[in-house]
Structures are given as structure tokens and as C-alpha cells.
Amino acid sequence: MIALKKVIATIILVLITLYLTGVFYHNNRFPSKVYVNETNIGGSTLKKAENKLERANVWEKITIKSNTEEFLEIIIIKINLII
């Protein structure tokens, strides 16, 4: 009976450890399958996503969508001021 309790306690401890590891890993990352301007930034940290978007260099508009739904579209207008 004591061996069974130790096995159950060990399994619970392993599950809690795996859960907390996943929480800390995904805490500062975008969810999977997130696209900005057709660039997949899912699973990326903010810095890595910024680098990907700088390399893509498509800033006529910003479109944020998931695999199934478009959330936001912002059209960027450039204004040249001559002074």
C-alpha cells in the first residue's frame, strides 16, 4: 500500500512539473498559428517576432489573424511633409 502511494505521489509530482514547465515556456510567446502580414509568428518571443517582421518588410497594412479568423486589419498611410 505504501509503494502504491509513492507511485501515485511521484506521478502527480511529474505531472505538476511538466505543467509548470509548459506554463513558463509559453508565458512570453505568441500562441501557435498566429500570423501578422502573412508571416507566422506563432511560438515566437516578442523579439524573434519583431526580427521576422523586419525581414519580411511588408508594411502597407498590418493584418493580424489566426488559422481560422482575422482579428484586425490596419491600413498604413504614408504622409510626406515638405517644409
Protein backbone atom coordinates (compact mmCIF):
# COMPACT_ATOMS: atom_id res chain seq x y z
CA MET A 1 0.00 0.00 0.00
CA ILE A 2 2.83 2.40 0.83
CA ALA A 3 4.52 1.64 -2.52
CA LEU A 4 1.29 2.49 -4.36
CA LYS A 5 1.08 5.85 -2.55
CA LYS A 6 4.69 6.63 -3.51
CA VAL A 7 3.99 5.79 -7.16
CA ILE A 8 0.88 7.99 -7.20
CA ALA A 9 2.75 10.83 -5.47
CA THR A 10 5.60 10.53 -8.00
CA ILE A 11 3.19 10.61 -10.94
CA ILE A 12 1.44 13.69 -9.54
CA LEU A 13 4.78 15.42 -8.97
CA VAL A 14 5.90 14.66 -12.54
CA LEU A 15 2.60 15.98 -13.97
CA ILE A 16 2.84 19.19 -11.95
CA THR A 17 6.45 19.67 -13.08
CA LEU A 18 5.51 19.17 -16.74
CA TYR A 19 2.59 21.59 -16.42
CA LEU A 20 4.69 24.32 -14.79
CA THR A 21 7.45 23.85 -17.38
CA GLY A 22 4.90 24.37 -20.17
CA VAL A 23 3.41 27.43 -18.47
CA PHE A 24 6.80 29.11 -18.05
CA TYR A 25 7.87 28.21 -21.61
CA HIS A 26 4.73 29.62 -23.25
CA ASN A 27 4.37 32.59 -20.90
CA ASN A 28 6.26 35.06 -23.15
CA ARG A 29 5.40 33.57 -26.54
CA PHE A 30 2.66 34.09 -29.10
CA PRO A 31 0.15 31.24 -29.39
CA SER A 32 0.70 28.84 -32.27
CA LYS A 33 -0.66 29.65 -35.74
CA VAL A 34 -0.65 33.44 -35.26
CA TYR A 35 0.12 35.40 -38.43
CA VAL A 36 0.94 39.08 -38.91
CA ASN A 37 1.06 40.18 -42.57
CA GLU A 38 1.15 36.53 -43.70
CA THR A 39 4.24 35.94 -41.52
CA ASN A 40 3.91 33.13 -39.00
CA ILE A 41 4.98 34.39 -35.57
CA GLY A 42 3.31 31.59 -33.63
CA GLY A 43 5.52 30.27 -30.83
CA SER A 44 7.95 33.17 -31.16
CA THR A 45 9.03 35.53 -28.44
CA LEU A 46 8.36 39.22 -28.99
CA LYS A 47 11.98 39.85 -30.05
CA LYS A 48 12.01 36.95 -32.54
CA ALA A 49 8.65 38.03 -33.95
CA GLU A 50 9.98 41.57 -34.37
CA ASN A 51 13.02 40.25 -36.25
CA LYS A 52 10.84 38.10 -38.53
CA LEU A 53 8.59 41.04 -39.35
CA GLU A 54 11.55 43.36 -40.04
CA ARG A 55 12.97 40.83 -42.51
CA ALA A 56 9.57 40.40 -44.22
CA ASN A 57 9.32 44.18 -44.75
CA VAL A 58 5.64 44.23 -45.76
CA TRP A 59 4.14 47.21 -44.01
CA GLU A 60 1.47 48.58 -46.36
CA LYS A 61 -1.05 47.23 -43.90
CA ILE A 62 -1.00 45.19 -40.74
CA THR A 63 -3.23 42.14 -40.65
CA ILE A 64 -3.44 40.01 -37.53
CA LYS A 65 -5.20 36.68 -37.87
CA SER A 66 -5.19 33.15 -36.59
CA ASN A 67 -5.60 30.00 -38.61
CA THR A 68 -9.37 30.44 -38.73
CA GLU A 69 -10.21 34.08 -38.06
CA GLU A 70 -8.99 37.56 -38.97
CA PHE A 71 -8.83 39.78 -35.88
CA LEU A 72 -7.57 43.14 -37.03
CA GLU A 73 -6.51 44.98 -40.19
CA ILE A 74 -4.83 48.39 -40.10
CA ILE A 75 -4.03 50.20 -43.33
CA ILE A 76 -0.96 52.39 -43.04
CA ILE A 77 -0.96 55.70 -44.87
CA LYS A 78 2.37 57.38 -45.53
CA ILE A 79 2.37 61.17 -45.49
CA ASN A 80 5.33 63.08 -46.86
CA LEU A 81 5.61 66.54 -45.40
CA ILE A 82 7.71 69.11 -47.20
CA ILE A 83 8.68 72.04 -45.03
